[in-house]
Amino acid sequence: EFAWMVLEMIGNCSIPIALLMIGAS
């Protein structure tokens, strides 16, 4: 369960950060 929580937190960051980087590019 602790590993799944970490996985979720990291995964939830991916799309917002990627879109911010695409916007910067």
PDBML (XML) file of the C-alpha atoms, coordinates in Angstrom:
<?xml version="1.0" encoding="UTF-8" ?>
<PDBx:datablock datablockName="MODEL"
   xmlns:PDBx="http://pdbml.pdb.org/schema/pdbx-v50.xsd"
   xmlns:xsi="http://www.w3.org/2001/XMLSchema-instance"
   xsi:schemaLocation="http://pdbml.pdb.org/schema/pdbx-v50.xsd pdbx-v50.xsd">
   <PDBx:atom_siteCategory>
      <PDBx:atom_site id="1">
         <PDBx:B_iso_or_equiv>0.00</PDBx:B_iso_or_equiv>
         <PDBx:Cartn_x>0.000</PDBx:Cartn_x>
         <PDBx:Cartn_y>0.000</PDBx:Cartn_y>
         <PDBx:Cartn_z>0.000</PDBx:Cartn_z>
         <PDBx:auth_asym_id>A</PDBx:auth_asym_id>
         <PDBx:auth_atom_id>CA</PDBx:auth_atom_id>
         <PDBx:auth_comp_id>GLU</PDBx:auth_comp_id>
         <PDBx:auth_seq_id>1</PDBx:auth_seq_id>
         <PDBx:group_PDB>ATOM</PDBx:group_PDB>
         <PDBx:label_alt_id xsi:nil="true" />
         <PDBx:label_asym_id>A</PDBx:label_asym_id>
         <PDBx:label_atom_id>CA</PDBx:label_atom_id>
         <PDBx:label_comp_id>GLU</PDBx:label_comp_id>
         <PDBx:label_entity_id>1</PDBx:label_entity_id>
         <PDBx:label_seq_id>1</PDBx:label_seq_id>
         <PDBx:occupancy>1.00</PDBx:occupancy>
         <PDBx:pdbx_PDB_model_num>1</PDBx:pdbx_PDB_model_num>
         <PDBx:type_symbol>C</PDBx:type_symbol>
      </PDBx:atom_site>
      <PDBx:atom_site id="2">
         <PDBx:B_iso_or_equiv>0.00</PDBx:B_iso_or_equiv>
         <PDBx:Cartn_x>2.791</PDBx:Cartn_x>
         <PDBx:Cartn_y>2.472</PDBx:Cartn_y>
         <PDBx:Cartn_z>0.798</PDBx:Cartn_z>
         <PDBx:auth_asym_id>A</PDBx:auth_asym_id>
         <PDBx:auth_atom_id>CA</PDBx:auth_atom_id>
         <PDBx:auth_comp_id>PHE</PDBx:auth_comp_id>
         <PDBx:auth_seq_id>2</PDBx:auth_seq_id>
         <PDBx:group_PDB>ATOM</PDBx:group_PDB>
         <PDBx:label_alt_id xsi:nil="true" />
         <PDBx:label_asym_id>A</PDBx:label_asym_id>
         <PDBx:label_atom_id>CA</PDBx:label_atom_id>
         <PDBx:label_comp_id>PHE</PDBx:label_comp_id>
         <PDBx:label_entity_id>1</PDBx:label_entity_id>
         <PDBx:label_seq_id>2</PDBx:label_seq_id>
         <PDBx:occupancy>1.00</PDBx:occupancy>
         <PDBx:pdbx_PDB_model_num>1</PDBx:pdbx_PDB_model_num>
         <PDBx:type_symbol>C</PDBx:type_symbol>
      </PDBx:atom_site>
      <PDBx:atom_site id="3">
         <PDBx:B_iso_or_equiv>0.00</PDBx:B_iso_or_equiv>
         <PDBx:Cartn_x>4.416</PDBx:Cartn_x>
         <PDBx:Cartn_y>1.771</PDBx:Cartn_y>
         <PDBx:Cartn_z>-2.591</PDBx:Cartn_z>
         <PDBx:auth_asym_id>A</PDBx:auth_asym_id>
         <PDBx:auth_atom_id>CA</PDBx:auth_atom_id>
         <PDBx:auth_comp_id>ALA</PDBx:auth_comp_id>
         <PDBx:auth_seq_id>3</PDBx:auth_seq_id>
         <PDBx:group_PDB>ATOM</PDBx:group_PDB>
         <PDBx:label_alt_id xsi:nil="true" />
         <PDBx:label_asym_id>A</PDBx:label_asym_id>
         <PDBx:label_atom_id>CA</PDBx:label_atom_id>
         <PDBx:label_comp_id>ALA</PDBx:label_comp_id>
         <PDBx:label_entity_id>1</PDBx:label_entity_id>
         <PDBx:label_seq_id>3</PDBx:label_seq_id>
         <PDBx:occupancy>1.00</PDBx:occupancy>
         <PDBx:pdbx_PDB_model_num>1</PDBx:pdbx_PDB_model_num>
         <PDBx:type_symbol>C</PDBx:type_symbol>
      </PDBx:atom_site>
      <PDBx:atom_site id="4">
         <PDBx:B_iso_or_equiv>0.00</PDBx:B_iso_or_equiv>
         <PDBx:Cartn_x>1.071</PDBx:Cartn_x>
         <PDBx:Cartn_y>2.250</PDBx:Cartn_y>
         <PDBx:Cartn_z>-4.364</PDBx:Cartn_z>
         <PDBx:auth_asym_id>A</PDBx:auth_asym_id>
         <PDBx:auth_atom_id>CA</PDBx:auth_atom_id>
         <PDBx:auth_comp_id>TRP</PDBx:auth_comp_id>
         <PDBx:auth_seq_id>4</PDBx:auth_seq_id>
         <PDBx:group_PDB>ATOM</PDBx:group_PDB>
         <PDBx:label_alt_id xsi:nil="true" />
         <PDBx:label_asym_id>A</PDBx:label_asym_id>
         <PDBx:label_atom_id>CA</PDBx:label_atom_id>
         <PDBx:label_comp_id>TRP</PDBx:label_comp_id>
         <PDBx:label_entity_id>1</PDBx:label_entity_id>
         <PDBx:label_seq_id>4</PDBx:label_seq_id>
         <PDBx:occupancy>1.00</PDBx:occupancy>
         <PDBx:pdbx_PDB_model_num>1</PDBx:pdbx_PDB_model_num>
         <PDBx:type_symbol>C</PDBx:type_symbol>
      </PDBx:atom_site>
      <PDBx:atom_site id="5">
         <PDBx:B_iso_or_equiv>0.00</PDBx:B_iso_or_equiv>
         <PDBx:Cartn_x>0.599</PDBx:Cartn_x>
         <PDBx:Cartn_y>5.627</PDBx:Cartn_y>
         <PDBx:Cartn_z>-2.650</PDBx:Cartn_z>
         <PDBx:auth_asym_id>A</PDBx:auth_asym_id>
         <PDBx:auth_atom_id>CA</PDBx:auth_atom_id>
         <PDBx:auth_comp_id>MET</PDBx:auth_comp_id>
         <PDBx:auth_seq_id>5</PDBx:auth_seq_id>
         <PDBx:group_PDB>ATOM</PDBx:group_PDB>
         <PDBx:label_alt_id xsi:nil="true" />
         <PDBx:label_asym_id>A</PDBx:label_asym_id>
         <PDBx:label_atom_id>CA</PDBx:label_atom_id>
         <PDBx:label_comp_id>MET</PDBx:label_comp_id>
         <PDBx:label_entity_id>1</PDBx:label_entity_id>
         <PDBx:label_seq_id>5</PDBx:label_seq_id>
         <PDBx:occupancy>1.00</PDBx:occupancy>
         <PDBx:pdbx_PDB_model_num>1</PDBx:pdbx_PDB_model_num>
         <PDBx:type_symbol>C</PDBx:type_symbol>
      </PDBx:atom_site>
      <PDBx:atom_site id="6">
         <PDBx:B_iso_or_equiv>0.00</PDBx:B_iso_or_equiv>
         <PDBx:Cartn_x>4.033</PDBx:Cartn_x>
         <PDBx:Cartn_y>6.746</PDBx:Cartn_y>
         <PDBx:Cartn_z>-3.863</PDBx:Cartn_z>
         <PDBx:auth_asym_id>A</PDBx:auth_asym_id>
         <PDBx:auth_atom_id>CA</PDBx:auth_atom_id>
         <PDBx:auth_comp_id>VAL</PDBx:auth_comp_id>
         <PDBx:auth_seq_id>6</PDBx:auth_seq_id>
         <PDBx:group_PDB>ATOM</PDBx:group_PDB>
         <PDBx:label_alt_id xsi:nil="true" />
         <PDBx:label_asym_id>A</PDBx:label_asym_id>
         <PDBx:label_atom_id>CA</PDBx:label_atom_id>
         <PDBx:label_comp_id>VAL</PDBx:label_comp_id>
         <PDBx:label_entity_id>1</PDBx:label_entity_id>
         <PDBx:label_seq_id>6</PDBx:label_seq_id>
         <PDBx:occupancy>1.00</PDBx:occupancy>
         <PDBx:pdbx_PDB_model_num>1</PDBx:pdbx_PDB_model_num>
         <PDBx:type_symbol>C</PDBx:type_symbol>
      </PDBx:atom_site>
      <PDBx:atom_site id="7">
         <PDBx:B_iso_or_equiv>0.00</PDBx:B_iso_or_equiv>
         <PDBx:Cartn_x>3.251</PDBx:Cartn_x>
         <PDBx:Cartn_y>5.459</PDBx:Cartn_y>
         <PDBx:Cartn_z>-7.350</PDBx:Cartn_z>
         <PDBx:auth_asym_id>A</PDBx:auth_asym_id>
         <PDBx:auth_atom_id>CA</PDBx:auth_atom_id>
         <PDBx:auth_comp_id>LEU</PDBx:auth_comp_id>
         <PDBx:auth_seq_id>7</PDBx:auth_seq_id>
         <PDBx:group_PDB>ATOM</PDBx:group_PDB>
         <PDBx:label_alt_id xsi:nil="true" />
         <PDBx:label_asym_id>A</PDBx:label_asym_id>
         <PDBx:label_atom_id>CA</PDBx:label_atom_id>
         <PDBx:label_comp_id>LEU</PDBx:label_comp_id>
         <PDBx:label_entity_id>1</PDBx:label_entity_id>
         <PDBx:label_seq_id>7</PDBx:label_seq_id>
         <PDBx:occupancy>1.00</PDBx:occupancy>
         <PDBx:pdbx_PDB_model_num>1</PDBx:pdbx_PDB_model_num>
         <PDBx:type_symbol>C</PDBx:type_symbol>
      </PDBx:atom_site>
      <PDBx:atom_site id="8">
         <PDBx:B_iso_or_equiv>0.00</PDBx:B_iso_or_equiv>
         <PDBx:Cartn_x>0.004</PDBx:Cartn_x>
         <PDBx:Cartn_y>7.426</PDBx:Cartn_y>
         <PDBx:Cartn_z>-7.415</PDBx:Cartn_z>
         <PDBx:auth_asym_id>A</PDBx:auth_asym_id>
         <PDBx:auth_atom_id>CA</PDBx:auth_atom_id>
         <PDBx:auth_comp_id>GLU</PDBx:auth_comp_id>
         <PDBx:auth_seq_id>8</PDBx:auth_seq_id>
         <PDBx:group_PDB>ATOM</PDBx:group_PDB>
         <PDBx:label_alt_id xsi:nil="true" />
         <PDBx:label_asym_id>A</PDBx:label_asym_id>
         <PDBx:label_atom_id>CA</PDBx:label_atom_id>
         <PDBx:label_comp_id>GLU</PDBx:label_comp_id>
         <PDBx:label_entity_id>1</PDBx:label_entity_id>
         <PDBx:label_seq_id>8</PDBx:label_seq_id>
         <PDBx:occupancy>1.00</PDBx:occupancy>
         <PDBx:pdbx_PDB_model_num>1</PDBx:pdbx_PDB_model_num>
         <PDBx:type_symbol>C</PDBx:type_symbol>
      </PDBx:atom_site>
      <PDBx:atom_site id="9">
         <PDBx:B_iso_or_equiv>0.00</PDBx:B_iso_or_equiv>
         <PDBx:Cartn_x>1.598</PDBx:Cartn_x>
         <PDBx:Cartn_y>10.643</PDBx:Cartn_y>
         <PDBx:Cartn_z>-6.189</PDBx:Cartn_z>
         <PDBx:auth_asym_id>A</PDBx:auth_asym_id>
         <PDBx:auth_atom_id>CA</PDBx:auth_atom_id>
         <PDBx:auth_comp_id>MET</PDBx:auth_comp_id>
         <PDBx:auth_seq_id>9</PDBx:auth_seq_id>
         <PDBx:group_PDB>ATOM</PDBx:group_PDB>
         <PDBx:label_alt_id xsi:nil="true" />
         <PDBx:label_asym_id>A</PDBx:label_asym_id>
         <PDBx:label_atom_id>CA</PDBx:label_atom_id>
         <PDBx:label_comp_id>MET</PDBx:label_comp_id>
         <PDBx:label_entity_id>1</PDBx:label_entity_id>
         <PDBx:label_seq_id>9</PDBx:label_seq_id>
         <PDBx:occupancy>1.00</PDBx:occupancy>
         <PDBx:pdbx_PDB_model_num>1</PDBx:pdbx_PDB_model_num>
         <PDBx:type_symbol>C</PDBx:type_symbol>
      </PDBx:atom_site>
      <PDBx:atom_site id="10">
         <PDBx:B_iso_or_equiv>0.00</PDBx:B_iso_or_equiv>
         <PDBx:Cartn_x>4.364</PDBx:Cartn_x>
         <PDBx:Cartn_y>10.477</PDBx:Cartn_y>
         <PDBx:Cartn_z>-8.793</PDBx:Cartn_z>
         <PDBx:auth_asym_id>A</PDBx:auth_asym_id>
         <PDBx:auth_atom_id>CA</PDBx:auth_atom_id>
         <PDBx:auth_comp_id>ILE</PDBx:auth_comp_id>
         <PDBx:auth_seq_id>10</PDBx:auth_seq_id>
         <PDBx:group_PDB>ATOM</PDBx:group_PDB>
         <PDBx:label_alt_id xsi:nil="true" />
         <PDBx:label_asym_id>A</PDBx:label_asym_id>
         <PDBx:label_atom_id>CA</PDBx:label_atom_id>
         <PDBx:label_comp_id>ILE</PDBx:label_comp_id>
         <PDBx:label_entity_id>1</PDBx:label_entity_id>
         <PDBx:label_seq_id>10</PDBx:label_seq_id>
         <PDBx:occupancy>1.00</PDBx:occupancy>
         <PDBx:pdbx_PDB_model_num>1</PDBx:pdbx_PDB_model_num>
         <PDBx:type_symbol>C</PDBx:type_symbol>
      </PDBx:atom_site>
      <PDBx:atom_site id="11">
         <PDBx:B_iso_or_equiv>0.00</PDBx:B_iso_or_equiv>
         <PDBx:Cartn_x>2.003</PDBx:Cartn_x>
         <PDBx:Cartn_y>9.439</PDBx:Cartn_y>
         <PDBx:Cartn_z>-11.591</PDBx:Cartn_z>
         <PDBx:auth_asym_id>A</PDBx:auth_asym_id>
         <PDBx:auth_atom_id>CA</PDBx:auth_atom_id>
         <PDBx:auth_comp_id>GLY</PDBx:auth_comp_id>
         <PDBx:auth_seq_id>11</PDBx:auth_seq_id>
         <PDBx:group_PDB>ATOM</PDBx:group_PDB>
         <PDBx:label_alt_id xsi:nil="true" />
         <PDBx:label_asym_id>A</PDBx:label_asym_id>
         <PDBx:label_atom_id>CA</PDBx:label_atom_id>
         <PDBx:label_comp_id>GLY</PDBx:label_comp_id>
         <PDBx:label_entity_id>1</PDBx:label_entity_id>
         <PDBx:label_seq_id>11</PDBx:label_seq_id>
         <PDBx:occupancy>1.00</PDBx:occupancy>
         <PDBx:pdbx_PDB_model_num>1</PDBx:pdbx_PDB_model_num>
         <PDBx:type_symbol>C</PDBx:type_symbol>
      </PDBx:atom_site>
      <PDBx:atom_site id="12">
         <PDBx:B_iso_or_equiv>0.00</PDBx:B_iso_or_equiv>
         <PDBx:Cartn_x>-0.403</PDBx:Cartn_x>
         <PDBx:Cartn_y>12.272</PDBx:Cartn_y>
         <PDBx:Cartn_z>-10.834</PDBx:Cartn_z>
         <PDBx:auth_asym_id>A</PDBx:auth_asym_id>
         <PDBx:auth_atom_id>CA</PDBx:auth_atom_id>
         <PDBx:auth_comp_id>ASN</PDBx:auth_comp_id>
         <PDBx:auth_seq_id>12</PDBx:auth_seq_id>
         <PDBx:group_PDB>ATOM</PDBx:group_PDB>
         <PDBx:label_alt_id xsi:nil="true" />
         <PDBx:label_asym_id>A</PDBx:label_asym_id>
         <PDBx:label_atom_id>CA</PDBx:label_atom_id>
         <PDBx:label_comp_id>ASN</PDBx:label_comp_id>
         <PDBx:label_entity_id>1</PDBx:label_entity_id>
         <PDBx:label_seq_id>12</PDBx:label_seq_id>
         <PDBx:occupancy>1.00</PDBx:occupancy>
         <PDBx:pdbx_PDB_model_num>1</PDBx:pdbx_PDB_model_num>
         <PDBx:type_symbol>C</PDBx:type_symbol>
      </PDBx:atom_site>
      <PDBx:atom_site id="13">
         <PDBx:B_iso_or_equiv>0.00</PDBx:B_iso_or_equiv>
         <PDBx:Cartn_x>2.420</PDBx:Cartn_x>
         <PDBx:Cartn_y>14.774</PDBx:Cartn_y>
         <PDBx:Cartn_z>-11.450</PDBx:Cartn_z>
         <PDBx:auth_asym_id>A</PDBx:auth_asym_id>
         <PDBx:auth_atom_id>CA</PDBx:auth_atom_id>
         <PDBx:auth_comp_id>CYS</PDBx:auth_comp_id>
         <PDBx:auth_seq_id>13</PDBx:auth_seq_id>
         <PDBx:group_PDB>ATOM</PDBx:group_PDB>
         <PDBx:label_alt_id xsi:nil="true" />
         <PDBx:label_asym_id>A</PDBx:label_asym_id>
         <PDBx:label_atom_id>CA</PDBx:label_atom_id>
         <PDBx:label_comp_id>CYS</PDBx:label_comp_id>
         <PDBx:label_entity_id>1</PDBx:label_entity_id>
         <PDBx:label_seq_id>13</PDBx:label_seq_id>
         <PDBx:occupancy>1.00</PDBx:occupancy>
         <PDBx:pdbx_PDB_model_num>1</PDBx:pdbx_PDB_model_num>
         <PDBx:type_symbol>C</PDBx:type_symbol>
      </PDBx:atom_site>
      <PDBx:atom_site id="14">
         <PDBx:B_iso_or_equiv>0.00</PDBx:B_iso_or_equiv>
         <PDBx:Cartn_x>3.250</PDBx:Cartn_x>
         <PDBx:Cartn_y>13.560</PDBx:Cartn_y>
         <PDBx:Cartn_z>-14.943</PDBx:Cartn_z>
         <PDBx:auth_asym_id>A</PDBx:auth_asym_id>
         <PDBx:auth_atom_id>CA</PDBx:auth_atom_id>
         <PDBx:auth_comp_id>SER</PDBx:auth_comp_id>
         <PDBx:auth_seq_id>14</PDBx:auth_seq_id>
         <PDBx:group_PDB>ATOM</PDBx:group_PDB>
         <PDBx:label_alt_id xsi:nil="true" />
         <PDBx:label_asym_id>A</PDBx:label_asym_id>
         <PDBx:label_atom_id>CA</PDBx:label_atom_id>
         <PDBx:label_comp_id>SER</PDBx:label_comp_id>
         <PDBx:label_entity_id>1</PDBx:label_entity_id>
         <PDBx:label_seq_id>14</PDBx:label_seq_id>
         <PDBx:occupancy>1.00</PDBx:occupancy>
         <PDBx:pdbx_PDB_model_num>1</PDBx:pdbx_PDB_model_num>
         <PDBx:type_symbol>C</PDBx:type_symbol>
      </PDBx:atom_site>
      <PDBx:atom_site id="15">
         <PDBx:B_iso_or_equiv>0.00</PDBx:B_iso_or_equiv>
         <PDBx:Cartn_x>0.563</PDBx:Cartn_x>
         <PDBx:Cartn_y>15.176</PDBx:Cartn_y>
         <PDBx:Cartn_z>-17.128</PDBx:Cartn_z>
         <PDBx:auth_asym_id>A</PDBx:auth_asym_id>
         <PDBx:auth_atom_id>CA</PDBx:auth_atom_id>
         <PDBx:auth_comp_id>ILE</PDBx:auth_comp_id>
         <PDBx:auth_seq_id>15</PDBx:auth_seq_id>
         <PDBx:group_PDB>ATOM</PDBx:group_PDB>
         <PDBx:label_alt_id xsi:nil="true" />
         <PDBx:label_asym_id>A</PDBx:label_asym_id>
         <PDBx:label_atom_id>CA</PDBx:label_atom_id>
         <PDBx:label_comp_id>ILE</PDBx:label_comp_id>
         <PDBx:label_entity_id>1</PDBx:label_entity_id>
         <PDBx:label_seq_id>15</PDBx:label_seq_id>
         <PDBx:occupancy>1.00</PDBx:occupancy>
         <PDBx:pdbx_PDB_model_num>1</PDBx:pdbx_PDB_model_num>
         <PDBx:type_symbol>C</PDBx:type_symbol>
      </PDBx:atom_site>
      <PDBx:atom_site id="16">
         <PDBx:B_iso_or_equiv>0.00</PDBx:B_iso_or_equiv>
         <PDBx:Cartn_x>0.562</PDBx:Cartn_x>
         <PDBx:Cartn_y>18.649</PDBx:Cartn_y>
         <PDBx:Cartn_z>-15.477</PDBx:Cartn_z>
         <PDBx:auth_asym_id>A</PDBx:auth_asym_id>
         <PDBx:auth_atom_id>CA</PDBx:auth_atom_id>
         <PDBx:auth_comp_id>PRO</PDBx:auth_comp_id>
         <PDBx:auth_seq_id>16</PDBx:auth_seq_id>
         <PDBx:group_PDB>ATOM</PDBx:group_PDB>
         <PDBx:label_alt_id xsi:nil="true" />
         <PDBx:label_asym_id>A</PDBx:label_asym_id>
         <PDBx:label_atom_id>CA</PDBx:label_atom_id>
         <PDBx:label_comp_id>PRO</PDBx:label_comp_id>
         <PDBx:label_entity_id>1</PDBx:label_entity_id>
         <PDBx:label_seq_id>16</PDBx:label_seq_id>
         <PDBx:occupancy>1.00</PDBx:occupancy>
         <PDBx:pdbx_PDB_model_num>1</PDBx:pdbx_PDB_model_num>
         <PDBx:type_symbol>C</PDBx:type_symbol>
      </PDBx:atom_site>
      <PDBx:atom_site id="17">
         <PDBx:B_iso_or_equiv>0.00</PDBx:B_iso_or_equiv>
         <PDBx:Cartn_x>4.368</PDBx:Cartn_x>
         <PDBx:Cartn_y>18.914</PDBx:Cartn_y>
         <PDBx:Cartn_z>-15.511</PDBx:Cartn_z>
         <PDBx:auth_asym_id>A</PDBx:auth_asym_id>
         <PDBx:auth_atom_id>CA</PDBx:auth_atom_id>
         <PDBx:auth_comp_id>ILE</PDBx:auth_comp_id>
         <PDBx:auth_seq_id>17</PDBx:auth_seq_id>
         <PDBx:group_PDB>ATOM</PDBx:group_PDB>
         <PDBx:label_alt_id xsi:nil="true" />
         <PDBx:label_asym_id>A</PDBx:label_asym_id>
         <PDBx:label_atom_id>CA</PDBx:label_atom_id>
         <PDBx:label_comp_id>ILE</PDBx:label_comp_id>
         <PDBx:label_entity_id>1</PDBx:label_entity_id>
         <PDBx:label_seq_id>17</PDBx:label_seq_id>
         <PDBx:occupancy>1.00</PDBx:occupancy>
         <PDBx:pdbx_PDB_model_num>1</PDBx:pdbx_PDB_model_num>
         <PDBx:type_symbol>C</PDBx:type_symbol>
      </PDBx:atom_site>
      <PDBx:atom_site id="18">
         <PDBx:B_iso_or_equiv>0.00</PDBx:B_iso_or_equiv>
         <PDBx:Cartn_x>4.569</PDBx:Cartn_x>
         <PDBx:Cartn_y>17.639</PDBx:Cartn_y>
         <PDBx:Cartn_z>-19.089</PDBx:Cartn_z>
         <PDBx:auth_asym_id>A</PDBx:auth_asym_id>
         <PDBx:auth_atom_id>CA</PDBx:auth_atom_id>
         <PDBx:auth_comp_id>ALA</PDBx:auth_comp_id>
         <PDBx:auth_seq_id>18</PDBx:auth_seq_id>
         <PDBx:group_PDB>ATOM</PDBx:group_PDB>
         <PDBx:label_alt_id xsi:nil="true" />
         <PDBx:label_asym_id>A</PDBx:label_asym_id>
         <PDBx:label_atom_id>CA</PDBx:label_atom_id>
         <PDBx:label_comp_id>ALA</PDBx:label_comp_id>
         <PDBx:label_entity_id>1</PDBx:label_entity_id>
         <PDBx:label_seq_id>18</PDBx:label_seq_id>
         <PDBx:occupancy>1.00</PDBx:occupancy>
         <PDBx:pdbx_PDB_model_num>1</PDBx:pdbx_PDB_model_num>
         <PDBx:type_symbol>C</PDBx:type_symbol>
      </PDBx:atom_site>
      <PDBx:atom_site id="19">
         <PDBx:B_iso_or_equiv>0.00</PDBx:B_iso_or_equiv>
         <PDBx:Cartn_x>1.972</PDBx:Cartn_x>
         <PDBx:Cartn_y>20.182</PDBx:Cartn_y>
         <PDBx:Cartn_z>-20.286</PDBx:Cartn_z>
         <PDBx:auth_asym_id>A</PDBx:auth_asym_id>
         <PDBx:auth_atom_id>CA</PDBx:auth_atom_id>
         <PDBx:auth_comp_id>LEU</PDBx:auth_comp_id>
         <PDBx:auth_seq_id>19</PDBx:auth_seq_id>
         <PDBx:group_PDB>ATOM</PDBx:group_PDB>
         <PDBx:label_alt_id xsi:nil="true" />
         <PDBx:label_asym_id>A</PDBx:label_asym_id>
         <PDBx:label_atom_id>CA</PDBx:label_atom_id>
         <PDBx:label_comp_id>LEU</PDBx:label_comp_id>
         <PDBx:label_entity_id>1</PDBx:label_entity_id>
         <PDBx:label_seq_id>19</PDBx:label_seq_id>
         <PDBx:occupancy>1.00</PDBx:occupancy>
         <PDBx:pdbx_PDB_model_num>1</PDBx:pdbx_PDB_model_num>
         <PDBx:type_symbol>C</PDBx:type_symbol>
      </PDBx:atom_site>
      <PDBx:atom_site id="20">
         <PDBx:B_iso_or_equiv>0.00</PDBx:B_iso_or_equiv>
         <PDBx:Cartn_x>3.831</PDBx:Cartn_x>
         <PDBx:Cartn_y>23.000</PDBx:Cartn_y>
         <PDBx:Cartn_z>-18.542</PDBx:Cartn_z>
         <PDBx:auth_asym_id>A</PDBx:auth_asym_id>
         <PDBx:auth_atom_id>CA</PDBx:auth_atom_id>
         <PDBx:auth_comp_id>LEU</PDBx:auth_comp_id>
         <PDBx:auth_seq_id>20</PDBx:auth_seq_id>
         <PDBx:group_PDB>ATOM</PDBx:group_PDB>
         <PDBx:label_alt_id xsi:nil="true" />
         <PDBx:label_asym_id>A</PDBx:label_asym_id>
         <PDBx:label_atom_id>CA</PDBx:label_atom_id>
         <PDBx:label_comp_id>LEU</PDBx:label_comp_id>
         <PDBx:label_entity_id>1</PDBx:label_entity_id>
         <PDBx:label_seq_id>20</PDBx:label_seq_id>
         <PDBx:occupancy>1.00</PDBx:occupancy>
         <PDBx:pdbx_PDB_model_num>1</PDBx:pdbx_PDB_model_num>
         <PDBx:type_symbol>C</PDBx:type_symbol>
      </PDBx:atom_site>
      <PDBx:atom_site id="21">
         <PDBx:B_iso_or_equiv>0.00</PDBx:B_iso_or_equiv>
         <PDBx:Cartn_x>7.038</PDBx:Cartn_x>
         <PDBx:Cartn_y>21.942</PDBx:Cartn_y>
         <PDBx:Cartn_z>-20.309</PDBx:Cartn_z>
         <PDBx:auth_asym_id>A</PDBx:auth_asym_id>
         <PDBx:auth_atom_id>CA</PDBx:auth_atom_id>
         <PDBx:auth_comp_id>MET</PDBx:auth_comp_id>
         <PDBx:auth_seq_id>21</PDBx:auth_seq_id>
         <PDBx:group_PDB>ATOM</PDBx:group_PDB>
         <PDBx:label_alt_id xsi:nil="true" />
         <PDBx:label_asym_id>A</PDBx:label_asym_id>
         <PDBx:label_atom_id>CA</PDBx:label_atom_id>
         <PDBx:label_comp_id>MET</PDBx:label_comp_id>
         <PDBx:label_entity_id>1</PDBx:label_entity_id>
         <PDBx:label_seq_id>21</PDBx:label_seq_id>
         <PDBx:occupancy>1.00</PDBx:occupancy>
         <PDBx:pdbx_PDB_model_num>1</PDBx:pdbx_PDB_model_num>
         <PDBx:type_symbol>C</PDBx:type_symbol>
      </PDBx:atom_site>
      <PDBx:atom_site id="22">
         <PDBx:B_iso_or_equiv>0.00</PDBx:B_iso_or_equiv>
         <PDBx:Cartn_x>5.272</PDBx:Cartn_x>
         <PDBx:Cartn_y>21.673</PDBx:Cartn_y>
         <PDBx:Cartn_z>-23.674</PDBx:Cartn_z>
         <PDBx:auth_asym_id>A</PDBx:auth_asym_id>
         <PDBx:auth_atom_id>CA</PDBx:auth_atom_id>
         <PDBx:auth_comp_id>ILE</PDBx:auth_comp_id>
         <PDBx:auth_seq_id>22</PDBx:auth_seq_id>
         <PDBx:group_PDB>ATOM</PDBx:group_PDB>
         <PDBx:label_alt_id xsi:nil="true" />
         <PDBx:label_asym_id>A</PDBx:label_asym_id>
         <PDBx:label_atom_id>CA</PDBx:label_atom_id>
         <PDBx:label_comp_id>ILE</PDBx:label_comp_id>
         <PDBx:label_entity_id>1</PDBx:label_entity_id>
         <PDBx:label_seq_id>22</PDBx:label_seq_id>
         <PDBx:occupancy>1.00</PDBx:occupancy>
         <PDBx:pdbx_PDB_model_num>1</PDBx:pdbx_PDB_model_num>
         <PDBx:type_symbol>C</PDBx:type_symbol>
      </PDBx:atom_site>
      <PDBx:atom_site id="23">
         <PDBx:B_iso_or_equiv>0.00</PDBx:B_iso_or_equiv>
         <PDBx:Cartn_x>3.879</PDBx:Cartn_x>
         <PDBx:Cartn_y>25.181</PDBx:Cartn_y>
         <PDBx:Cartn_z>-23.147</PDBx:Cartn_z>
         <PDBx:auth_asym_id>A</PDBx:auth_asym_id>
         <PDBx:auth_atom_id>CA</PDBx:auth_atom_id>
         <PDBx:auth_comp_id>GLY</PDBx:auth_comp_id>
         <PDBx:auth_seq_id>23</PDBx:auth_seq_id>
         <PDBx:group_PDB>ATOM</PDBx:group_PDB>
         <PDBx:label_alt_id xsi:nil="true" />
         <PDBx:label_asym_id>A</PDBx:label_asym_id>
         <PDBx:label_atom_id>CA</PDBx:label_atom_id>
         <PDBx:label_comp_id>GLY</PDBx:label_comp_id>
         <PDBx:label_entity_id>1</PDBx:label_entity_id>
         <PDBx:label_seq_id>23</PDBx:label_seq_id>
         <PDBx:occupancy>1.00</PDBx:occupancy>
         <PDBx:pdbx_PDB_model_num>1</PDBx:pdbx_PDB_model_num>
         <PDBx:type_symbol>C</PDBx:type_symbol>
      </PDBx:atom_site>
      <PDBx:atom_site id="24">
         <PDBx:B_iso_or_equiv>0.00</PDBx:B_iso_or_equiv>
         <PDBx:Cartn_x>7.365</PDBx:Cartn_x>
         <PDBx:Cartn_y>26.488</PDBx:Cartn_y>
         <PDBx:Cartn_z>-22.381</PDBx:Cartn_z>
         <PDBx:auth_asym_id>A</PDBx:auth_asym_id>
         <PDBx:auth_atom_id>CA</PDBx:auth_atom_id>
         <PDBx:auth_comp_id>ALA</PDBx:auth_comp_id>
         <PDBx:auth_seq_id>24</PDBx:auth_seq_id>
         <PDBx:group_PDB>ATOM</PDBx:group_PDB>
         <PDBx:label_alt_id xsi:nil="true" />
         <PDBx:label_asym_id>A</PDBx:label_asym_id>
         <PDBx:label_atom_id>CA</PDBx:label_atom_id>
         <PDBx:label_comp_id>ALA</PDBx:label_comp_id>
         <PDBx:label_entity_id>1</PDBx:label_entity_id>
         <PDBx:label_seq_id>24</PDBx:label_seq_id>
         <PDBx:occupancy>1.00</PDBx:occupancy>
         <PDBx:pdbx_PDB_model_num>1</PDBx:pdbx_PDB_model_num>
         <PDBx:type_symbol>C</PDBx:type_symbol>
      </PDBx:atom_site>
      <PDBx:atom_site id="25">
         <PDBx:B_iso_or_equiv>0.00</PDBx:B_iso_or_equiv>
         <PDBx:Cartn_x>8.740</PDBx:Cartn_x>
         <PDBx:Cartn_y>24.816</PDBx:Cartn_y>
         <PDBx:Cartn_z>-25.522</PDBx:Cartn_z>
         <PDBx:auth_asym_id>A</PDBx:auth_asym_id>
         <PDBx:auth_atom_id>CA</PDBx:auth_atom_id>
         <PDBx:auth_comp_id>SER</PDBx:auth_comp_id>
         <PDBx:auth_seq_id>25</PDBx:auth_seq_id>
         <PDBx:group_PDB>ATOM</PDBx:group_PDB>
         <PDBx:label_alt_id xsi:nil="true" />
         <PDBx:label_asym_id>A</PDBx:label_asym_id>
         <PDBx:label_atom_id>CA</PDBx:label_atom_id>
         <PDBx:label_comp_id>SER</PDBx:label_comp_id>
         <PDBx:label_entity_id>1</PDBx:label_entity_id>
         <PDBx:label_seq_id>25</PDBx:label_seq_id>
         <PDBx:occupancy>1.00</PDBx:occupancy>
         <PDBx:pdbx_PDB_model_num>1</PDBx:pdbx_PDB_model_num>
         <PDBx:type_symbol>C</PDBx:type_symbol>
      </PDBx:atom_site>
   </PDBx:atom_siteCategory>
</PDBx:datablock>
